[in-house]
């Protein structure tokens, strides 16, 4: 299912998510990565951003989607709060 989620995310138009990336601080995570983590976690019954963060360290499927990166729970929660209303379309 992780490969399926990545394929679906690659087909979405995420231009609004890319446009809102800020140009300060350290480089932001790719919106495709964060959205893939959220989609996959929802499919598997995980809704907590802290559990998603932990899964990027413990679970092979989450590591595959995240490209072996480990965004923290604040990053995941902020992305969800900021972008999911835009992605519904």
Protein backbone atom coordinates (compact mmCIF):
# COMPACT_ATOMS: atom_id res chain seq x y z
CA UNK A 1 0.00 0.00 0.00
CA UNK A 2 2.92 2.37 0.63
CA UNK A 3 3.98 2.16 -3.02
CA UNK A 4 0.39 2.81 -4.11
CA UNK A 5 0.19 5.93 -1.90
CA UNK A 6 3.45 7.25 -3.38
CA UNK A 7 2.15 6.68 -6.93
CA UNK A 8 -1.12 8.47 -6.17
CA UNK A 9 0.67 11.42 -4.51
CA UNK A 10 2.90 11.77 -7.58
CA UNK A 11 -0.20 12.28 -9.74
CA UNK A 12 -1.67 15.10 -7.62
CA UNK A 13 -1.31 18.78 -8.36
CA UNK A 14 0.37 20.16 -5.25
CA UNK A 15 1.27 23.56 -6.63
CA UNK A 16 -0.49 25.38 -3.79
CA UNK A 17 1.49 23.43 -1.20
CA UNK A 18 4.77 24.18 -2.99
CA UNK A 19 3.88 27.87 -3.38
CA UNK A 20 3.36 28.28 0.35
CA UNK A 21 6.77 26.88 1.34
CA UNK A 22 8.61 29.63 3.14
CA UNK A 23 12.07 30.68 2.02
CA UNK A 24 13.66 31.04 5.44
CA UNK A 25 15.26 28.71 7.96
CA UNK A 26 16.28 25.22 7.02
CA UNK A 27 14.96 23.59 3.86
CA UNK A 28 11.33 22.48 4.24
CA UNK A 29 10.23 18.90 3.73
CA UNK A 30 8.75 18.09 0.34
CA UNK A 31 4.94 18.41 0.53
CA UNK A 32 4.64 15.08 -1.32
CA UNK A 33 6.53 13.37 1.50
CA UNK A 34 4.37 14.88 4.24
CA UNK A 35 1.12 14.27 2.38
CA UNK A 36 2.15 10.68 1.67
CA UNK A 37 2.83 10.11 5.35
CA UNK A 38 -0.55 11.53 6.30
CA UNK A 39 -2.45 9.54 3.65
CA UNK A 40 -0.72 6.30 4.54
CA UNK A 41 -1.16 6.80 8.25
CA UNK A 42 -4.88 7.50 7.81
CA UNK A 43 -5.19 4.33 5.71
CA UNK A 44 -3.57 2.31 8.47
CA UNK A 45 -5.56 3.88 11.32
CA UNK A 46 -2.86 6.18 12.71
CA UNK A 47 -4.04 9.73 13.30
CA UNK A 48 -1.56 11.11 15.83
CA UNK A 49 1.33 13.16 14.45
CA UNK A 50 3.52 11.82 17.27
CA UNK A 51 2.76 8.24 16.20
CA UNK A 52 3.48 9.14 12.57
CA UNK A 53 6.84 10.58 13.63
CA UNK A 54 7.65 7.41 15.57
CA UNK A 55 6.60 5.23 12.63
CA UNK A 56 9.17 6.93 10.35
CA UNK A 57 11.79 5.40 12.64
CA UNK A 58 10.18 2.01 13.26
CA UNK A 59 8.14 0.93 10.23
CA UNK A 60 9.54 0.09 6.81
CA UNK A 61 6.51 1.40 4.89
CA UNK A 62 6.69 4.79 6.62
CA UNK A 63 10.44 4.93 6.01
CA UNK A 64 9.84 4.19 2.32
CA UNK A 65 7.30 7.01 1.99
CA UNK A 66 9.49 9.43 3.95
CA UNK A 67 12.61 8.59 1.96
CA UNK A 68 14.32 7.63 5.23
CA UNK A 69 13.75 11.16 6.58
CA UNK A 70 12.14 11.74 9.96
CA UNK A 71 9.98 14.87 10.15
CA UNK A 72 9.01 15.73 13.69
CA UNK A 73 5.43 15.73 14.93
CA UNK A 74 5.19 19.54 14.88
CA UNK A 75 6.10 19.61 11.18
CA UNK A 76 3.49 16.95 10.40
CA UNK A 77 0.79 18.68 12.47
CA UNK A 78 1.52 22.10 10.96
CA UNK A 79 1.41 20.69 7.43
CA UNK A 80 -1.90 19.01 8.14
CA UNK A 81 -3.37 22.17 9.64
CA UNK A 82 -2.09 24.42 6.84
CA UNK A 83 -2.64 22.34 3.70
CA UNK A 84 -5.30 19.70 3.96
CA UNK A 85 -8.14 22.13 3.23
CA UNK A 86 -6.38 23.09 -0.03
CA UNK A 87 -5.75 19.50 -1.02
CA UNK A 88 -9.38 18.40 -0.65
CA UNK A 89 -10.09 19.67 -4.15
